[in-house]
Amino acid sequence: DVDLKQTRFYQEVFTEGKQEGFEEGHEEGDKSARLRIAHSLLDIIQDDRVLAQHTGLTELEIQQLRKEK
């Protein structure tokens, strides 16, 4: 009975960890894509606020991209 409970517990923890890892990976990939898009639009859209609104990034992130360019 104890072994079965432990097995279920480990399965739940594993499943939860797997889901969290998937979500984090998805968020990182999404952010990376938004950064690439913003970088390609830096010369076209001069207003950081507008670029931030259209990419979902913050104005600070846009300003940092401009500095790195």
PDB file of N, CA and C in Angstrom:
ATOM      1  N   ASP A   1       0.839  -1.199   0.000  1.00  0.00           N
ATOM      2  CA  ASP A   1       0.000   0.000   0.000  1.00  0.00           C
ATOM      3  C   ASP A   1       0.878   1.255   0.000  1.00  0.00           C
ATOM      4  N   VAL A   2       1.949   1.234   0.785  1.00  0.00           N
ATOM      5  CA  VAL A   2       2.858   2.379   0.855  1.00  0.00           C
ATOM      6  C   VAL A   2       3.583   2.555  -0.477  1.00  0.00           C
ATOM      7  N   ASP A   3       4.014   1.437  -1.068  1.00  0.00           N
ATOM      8  CA  ASP A   3       4.705   1.506  -2.356  1.00  0.00           C
ATOM      9  C   ASP A   3       3.801   2.091  -3.434  1.00  0.00           C
ATOM     10  N   LEU A   4       2.541   1.724  -3.422  1.00  0.00           N
ATOM     11  CA  LEU A   4       1.590   2.240  -4.404  1.00  0.00           C
ATOM     12  C   LEU A   4       1.401   3.743  -4.223  1.00  0.00           C
ATOM     13  N   LYS A   5       1.301   4.191  -2.974  1.00  0.00           N
ATOM     14  CA  LYS A   5       1.156   5.629  -2.699  1.00  0.00           C
ATOM     15  C   LYS A   5       2.399   6.389  -3.155  1.00  0.00           C
ATOM     16  N   GLN A   6       3.574   5.822  -2.885  1.00  0.00           N
ATOM     17  CA  GLN A   6       4.813   6.472  -3.311  1.00  0.00           C
ATOM     18  C   GLN A   6       4.892   6.541  -4.831  1.00  0.00           C
ATOM     19  N   THR A   7       4.513   5.463  -5.482  1.00  0.00           N
ATOM     20  CA  THR A   7       4.531   5.435  -6.938  1.00  0.00           C
ATOM     21  C   THR A   7       3.602   6.496  -7.504  1.00  0.00           C
ATOM     22  N   ARG A   8       2.403   6.599  -6.966  1.00  0.00           N
ATOM     23  CA  ARG A   8       1.457   7.619  -7.428  1.00  0.00           C
ATOM     24  C   ARG A   8       2.009   9.015  -7.184  1.00  0.00           C
ATOM     25  N   PHE A   9       2.589   9.206  -6.000  1.00  0.00           N
ATOM     26  CA  PHE A   9       3.168  10.507  -5.669  1.00  0.00           C
ATOM     27  C   PHE A   9       4.251  10.874  -6.681  1.00  0.00           C
ATOM     28  N   TYR A  10       5.170   9.947  -6.955  1.00  0.00           N
ATOM     29  CA  TYR A  10       6.257  10.215  -7.899  1.00  0.00           C
ATOM     30  C   TYR A  10       5.715  10.474  -9.303  1.00  0.00           C
ATOM     31  N   GLN A  11       4.680   9.754  -9.686  1.00  0.00           N
ATOM     32  CA  GLN A  11       4.073   9.983 -10.998  1.00  0.00           C
ATOM     33  C   GLN A  11       3.464  11.382 -11.078  1.00  0.00           C
ATOM     34  N   GLU A  12       2.786  11.797 -10.013  1.00  0.00           N
ATOM     35  CA  GLU A  12       2.182  13.132  -9.986  1.00  0.00           C
ATOM     36  C   GLU A  12       3.256  14.216 -10.039  1.00  0.00           C
ATOM     37  N   VAL A  13       4.315  14.030  -9.260  1.00  0.00           N
ATOM     38  CA  VAL A  13       5.409  15.005  -9.250  1.00  0.00           C
ATOM     39  C   VAL A  13       6.069  15.068 -10.621  1.00  0.00           C
ATOM     40  N   PHE A  14       6.307  13.918 -11.218  1.00  0.00           N
ATOM     41  CA  PHE A  14       6.920  13.863 -12.541  1.00  0.00           C
ATOM     42  C   PHE A  14       6.042  14.561 -13.569  1.00  0.00           C
ATOM     43  N   THR A  15       4.748  14.262 -13.561  1.00  0.00           N
ATOM     44  CA  THR A  15       3.818  14.870 -14.512  1.00  0.00           C
ATOM     45  C   THR A  15       3.762  16.379 -14.327  1.00  0.00           C
ATOM     46  N   GLU A  16       3.708  16.811 -13.076  1.00  0.00           N
ATOM     47  CA  GLU A  16       3.662  18.247 -12.786  1.00  0.00           C
ATOM     48  C   GLU A  16       4.954  18.933 -13.245  1.00  0.00           C
ATOM     49  N   GLY A  17       6.081  18.318 -12.973  1.00  0.00           N
ATOM     50  CA  GLY A  17       7.366  18.877 -13.394  1.00  0.00           C
ATOM     51  C   GLY A  17       7.495  18.934 -14.902  1.00  0.00           C
ATOM     52  N   LYS A  18       7.014  17.906 -15.556  1.00  0.00           N
ATOM     53  CA  LYS A  18       7.057  17.857 -17.014  1.00  0.00           C
ATOM     54  C   LYS A  18       6.215  18.991 -17.600  1.00  0.00           C
ATOM     55  N   GLN A  19       5.031  19.217 -17.051  1.00  0.00           N
ATOM     56  CA  GLN A  19       4.149  20.283 -17.523  1.00  0.00           C
ATOM     57  C   GLN A  19       4.787  21.649 -17.296  1.00  0.00           C
ATOM     58  N   GLU A  20       5.372  21.853 -16.114  1.00  0.00           N
ATOM     59  CA  GLU A  20       6.026  23.127 -15.817  1.00  0.00           C
ATOM     60  C   GLU A  20       7.193  23.366 -16.773  1.00  0.00           C
ATOM     61  N   GLY A  21       7.957  22.340 -17.045  1.00  0.00           N
ATOM     62  CA  GLY A  21       9.077  22.458 -17.977  1.00  0.00           C
ATOM     63  C   GLY A  21       8.607  22.796 -19.376  1.00  0.00           C
ATOM     64  N   PHE A  22       7.529  22.170 -19.809  1.00  0.00           N
ATOM     65  CA  PHE A  22       6.961  22.456 -21.123  1.00  0.00           C
ATOM     66  C   PHE A  22       6.521  23.906 -21.202  1.00  0.00           C
ATOM     67  N   GLU A  23       5.823  24.380 -20.165  1.00  0.00           N
ATOM     68  CA  GLU A  23       5.332  25.757 -20.158  1.00  0.00           C
ATOM     69  C   GLU A  23       6.484  26.753 -20.161  1.00  0.00           C
ATOM     70  N   GLU A  24       7.521  26.484 -19.378  1.00  0.00           N
ATOM     71  CA  GLU A  24       8.679  27.379 -19.347  1.00  0.00           C
ATOM     72  C   GLU A  24       9.379  27.401 -20.701  1.00  0.00           C
ATOM     73  N   GLY A  25       9.536  26.250 -21.306  1.00  0.00           N
ATOM     74  CA  GLY A  25      10.166  26.175 -22.625  1.00  0.00           C
ATOM     75  C   GLY A  25       9.359  26.910 -23.673  1.00  0.00           C
ATOM     76  N   HIS A  26       8.056  26.768 -23.601  1.00  0.00           N
ATOM     77  CA  HIS A  26       7.174  27.456 -24.543  1.00  0.00           C
ATOM     78  C   HIS A  26       7.284  28.965 -24.367  1.00  0.00           C
ATOM     79  N   GLU A  27       7.299  29.428 -23.124  1.00  0.00           N
ATOM     80  CA  GLU A  27       7.414  30.864 -22.851  1.00  0.00           C
ATOM     81  C   GLU A  27       8.753  31.407 -23.341  1.00  0.00           C
ATOM     82  N   GLU A  28       9.825  30.665 -23.119  1.00  0.00           N
ATOM     83  CA  GLU A  28      11.145  31.103 -23.566  1.00  0.00           C
ATOM     84  C   GLU A  28      11.209  31.164 -25.087  1.00  0.00           C
ATOM     85  N   GLY A  29      10.642  30.180 -25.753  1.00  0.00           N
ATOM     86  CA  GLY A  29      10.615  30.175 -27.215  1.00  0.00           C
ATOM     87  C   GLY A  29       9.796  31.325 -27.758  1.00  0.00           C
ATOM     88  N   ASP A  30       8.671  31.604 -27.116  1.00  0.00           N
ATOM     89  CA  ASP A  30       7.808  32.708 -27.525  1.00  0.00           C
ATOM     90  C   ASP A  30       8.540  34.032 -27.350  1.00  0.00           C
ATOM     91  N   LYS A  31       9.212  34.198 -26.240  1.00  0.00           N
ATOM     92  CA  LYS A  31       9.955  35.440 -25.970  1.00  0.00           C
ATOM     93  C   LYS A  31      11.078  35.600 -26.985  1.00  0.00           C
ATOM     94  N   SER A  32      11.755  34.526 -27.288  1.00  0.00           N
ATOM     95  CA  SER A  32      12.841  34.567 -28.260  1.00  0.00           C
ATOM     96  C   SER A  32      12.322  35.005 -29.630  1.00  0.00           C
ATOM     97  N   ALA A  33      11.177  34.494 -30.024  1.00  0.00           N
ATOM     98  CA  ALA A  33      10.574  34.874 -31.304  1.00  0.00           C
ATOM     99  C   ALA A  33      10.198  36.352 -31.300  1.00  0.00           C
ATOM    100  N   ARG A  34       9.622  36.828 -30.198  1.00  0.00           N
ATOM    101  CA  ARG A  34       9.242  38.242 -30.115  1.00  0.00           C
ATOM    102  C   ARG A  34      10.471  39.143 -30.176  1.00  0.00           C
ATOM    103  N   LEU A  35      11.557  38.730 -29.561  1.00  0.00           N
ATOM    104  CA  LEU A  35      12.797  39.508 -29.619  1.00  0.00           C
ATOM    105  C   LEU A  35      13.350  39.566 -31.042  1.00  0.00           C
ATOM    106  N   ARG A  36      13.310  38.440 -31.758  1.00  0.00           N
ATOM    107  CA  ARG A  36      13.784  38.422 -33.148  1.00  0.00           C
ATOM    108  C   ARG A  36      12.937  39.329 -34.026  1.00  0.00           C
ATOM    109  N   ILE A  37      11.622  39.274 -33.840  1.00  0.00           N
ATOM    110  CA  ILE A  37      10.719  40.123 -34.626  1.00  0.00           C
ATOM    111  C   ILE A  37      10.993  41.591 -34.328  1.00  0.00           C
ATOM    112  N   ALA A  38      11.091  41.929 -33.056  1.00  0.00           N
ATOM    113  CA  ALA A  38      11.352  43.319 -32.671  1.00  0.00           C
ATOM    114  C   ALA A  38      12.682  43.788 -33.254  1.00  0.00           C
ATOM    115  N   HIS A  39      13.689  42.942 -33.191  1.00  0.00           N
ATOM    116  CA  HIS A  39      15.002  43.309 -33.721  1.00  0.00           C
ATOM    117  C   HIS A  39      14.917  43.619 -35.213  1.00  0.00           C
ATOM    118  N   SER A  40      14.137  42.843 -35.935  1.00  0.00           N
ATOM    119  CA  SER A  40      14.014  43.074 -37.375  1.00  0.00           C
ATOM    120  C   SER A  40      13.203  44.330 -37.696  1.00  0.00           C
ATOM    121  N   LEU A  41      12.424  44.823 -36.741  1.00  0.00           N
ATOM    122  CA  LEU A  41      11.597  46.014 -36.968  1.00  0.00           C
ATOM    123  C   LEU A  41      12.201  47.297 -36.398  1.00  0.00           C
ATOM    124  N   LEU A  42      13.350  47.221 -35.776  1.00  0.00           N
ATOM    125  CA  LEU A  42      13.944  48.395 -35.133  1.00  0.00           C
ATOM    126  C   LEU A  42      14.134  49.564 -36.097  1.00  0.00           C
ATOM    127  N   ASP A  43      14.548  49.287 -37.331  1.00  0.00           N
ATOM    128  CA  ASP A  43      14.771  50.359 -38.303  1.00  0.00           C
ATOM    129  C   ASP A  43      13.471  50.868 -38.915  1.00  0.00           C
ATOM    130  N   ILE A  44      12.437  50.072 -38.865  1.00  0.00           N
ATOM    131  CA  ILE A  44      11.161  50.435 -39.487  1.00  0.00           C
ATOM    132  C   ILE A  44      10.274  51.208 -38.525  1.00  0.00           C
ATOM    133  N   ILE A  45      10.220  50.767 -37.286  1.00  0.00           N
ATOM    134  CA  ILE A  45       9.377  51.414 -36.272  1.00  0.00           C
ATOM    135  C   ILE A  45      10.291  52.128 -35.285  1.00  0.00           C
ATOM    136  N   GLN A  46      10.265  53.442 -35.315  1.00  0.00           N
ATOM    137  CA  GLN A  46      11.150  54.242 -34.464  1.00  0.00           C
ATOM    138  C   GLN A  46      10.606  54.456 -33.056  1.00  0.00           C
ATOM    139  N   ASP A  47       9.300  54.366 -32.897  1.00  0.00           N
ATOM    140  CA  ASP A  47       8.662  54.619 -31.597  1.00  0.00           C
ATOM    141  C   ASP A  47       8.720  53.346 -30.746  1.00  0.00           C
ATOM    142  N   ASP A  48       9.487  53.392 -29.661  1.00  0.00           N
ATOM    143  CA  ASP A  48       9.649  52.215 -28.800  1.00  0.00           C
ATOM    144  C   ASP A  48       8.323  51.749 -28.206  1.00  0.00           C
ATOM    145  N   ARG A  49       7.457  52.690 -27.884  1.00  0.00           N
ATOM    146  CA  ARG A  49       6.159  52.344 -27.297  1.00  0.00           C
ATOM    147  C   ARG A  49       5.326  51.537 -28.292  1.00  0.00           C
ATOM    148  N   VAL A  50       5.315  51.981 -29.533  1.00  0.00           N
ATOM    149  CA  VAL A  50       4.549  51.286 -30.574  1.00  0.00           C
ATOM    150  C   VAL A  50       5.139  49.901 -30.823  1.00  0.00           C
ATOM    151  N   LEU A  51       6.442  49.836 -30.924  1.00  0.00           N
ATOM    152  CA  LEU A  51       7.097  48.543 -31.155  1.00  0.00           C
ATOM    153  C   LEU A  51       6.833  47.586 -29.995  1.00  0.00           C
ATOM    154  N   ALA A  52       6.864  48.100 -28.782  1.00  0.00           N
ATOM    155  CA  ALA A  52       6.575  47.275 -27.607  1.00  0.00           C
ATOM    156  C   ALA A  52       5.142  46.754 -27.648  1.00  0.00           C
ATOM    157  N   GLN A  53       4.214  47.616 -28.005  1.00  0.00           N
ATOM    158  CA  GLN A  53       2.808  47.199 -28.070  1.00  0.00           C
ATOM    159  C   GLN A  53       2.600  46.090 -29.096  1.00  0.00           C
ATOM    160  N   HIS A  54       3.281  46.184 -30.214  1.00  0.00           N
ATOM    161  CA  HIS A  54       3.067  45.215 -31.292  1.00  0.00           C
ATOM    162  C   HIS A  54       3.825  43.903 -31.110  1.00  0.00           C
ATOM    163  N   THR A  55       4.831  43.914 -30.248  1.00  0.00           N
ATOM    164  CA  THR A  55       5.599  42.678 -30.035  1.00  0.00           C
ATOM    165  C   THR A  55       5.327  42.026 -28.686  1.00  0.00           C
ATOM    166  N   GLY A  56       4.687  42.767 -27.780  1.00  0.00           N
ATOM    167  CA  GLY A  56       4.445  42.227 -26.449  1.00  0.00           C
ATOM    168  C   GLY A  56       5.648  42.353 -25.529  1.00  0.00           C
ATOM    169  N   LEU A  57       6.668  43.049 -25.980  1.00  0.00           N
ATOM    170  CA  LEU A  57       7.838  43.302 -25.143  1.00  0.00           C
ATOM    171  C   LEU A  57       7.629  44.603 -24.381  1.00  0.00           C
ATOM    172  N   THR A  58       8.495  44.859 -23.425  1.00  0.00           N
ATOM    173  CA  THR A  58       8.416  46.124 -22.699  1.00  0.00           C
ATOM    174  C   THR A  58       9.230  47.177 -23.451  1.00  0.00           C
ATOM    175  N   GLU A  59       8.954  48.434 -23.150  1.00  0.00           N
ATOM    176  CA  GLU A  59       9.735  49.509 -23.766  1.00  0.00           C
ATOM    177  C   GLU A  59      11.207  49.385 -23.373  1.00  0.00           C
ATOM    178  N   LEU A  60      11.460  48.980 -22.151  1.00  0.00           N
ATOM    179  CA  LEU A  60      12.842  48.793 -21.700  1.00  0.00           C
ATOM    180  C   LEU A  60      13.552  47.723 -22.534  1.00  0.00           C
ATOM    181  N   GLU A  61      12.859  46.638 -22.829  1.00  0.00           N
ATOM    182  CA  GLU A  61      13.448  45.584 -23.663  1.00  0.00           C
ATOM    183  C   GLU A  61      13.751  46.108 -25.063  1.00  0.00           C
ATOM    184  N   ILE A  62      12.864  46.939 -25.598  1.00  0.00           N
ATOM    185  CA  ILE A  62      13.090  47.526 -26.921  1.00  0.00           C
ATOM    186  C   ILE A  62      14.307  48.445 -26.875  1.00  0.00           C
ATOM    187  N   GLN A  63      14.397  49.258 -25.836  1.00  0.00           N
ATOM    188  CA  GLN A  63      15.538  50.168 -25.690  1.00  0.00           C
ATOM    189  C   GLN A  63      16.845  49.385 -25.583  1.00  0.00           C
ATOM    190  N   GLN A  64      16.820  48.270 -24.880  1.00  0.00           N
ATOM    191  CA  GLN A  64      18.022  47.437 -24.760  1.00  0.00           C
ATOM    192  C   GLN A  64      18.407  46.851 -26.114  1.00  0.00           C
ATOM    193  N   LEU A  65      17.408  46.454 -26.904  1.00  0.00           N
ATOM    194  CA  LEU A  65      17.695  45.944 -28.247  1.00  0.00           C
ATOM    195  C   LEU A  65      18.355  47.019 -29.103  1.00  0.00           C
ATOM    196  N   ARG A  66      17.856  48.242 -28.993  1.00  0.00           N
ATOM    197  CA  ARG A  66      18.439  49.346 -29.772  1.00  0.00           C
ATOM    198  C   ARG A  66      19.897  49.583 -29.370  1.00  0.00           C
ATOM    199  N   LYS A  67      20.198  49.498 -28.092  1.00  0.00           N
ATOM    200  CA  LYS A  67      21.568  49.699 -27.615  1.00  0.00           C
ATOM    201  C   LYS A  67      22.499  48.597 -28.120  1.00  0.00           C
ATOM    202  N   GLU A  68      21.980  47.377 -28.199  1.00  0.00           N
ATOM    203  CA  GLU A  68      22.787  46.229 -28.628  1.00  0.00           C
ATOM    204  C   GLU A  68      23.054  46.245 -30.126  1.00  0.00           C
ATOM    205  N   LYS A  69      22.214  46.939 -30.857  1.00  0.00           N
ATOM    206  CA  LYS A  69      22.288  46.929 -32.317  1.00  0.00           C
ATOM    207  C   LYS A  69      23.551  47.536 -32.830  1.00  0.00           C
TER     208      LYS A  69
END
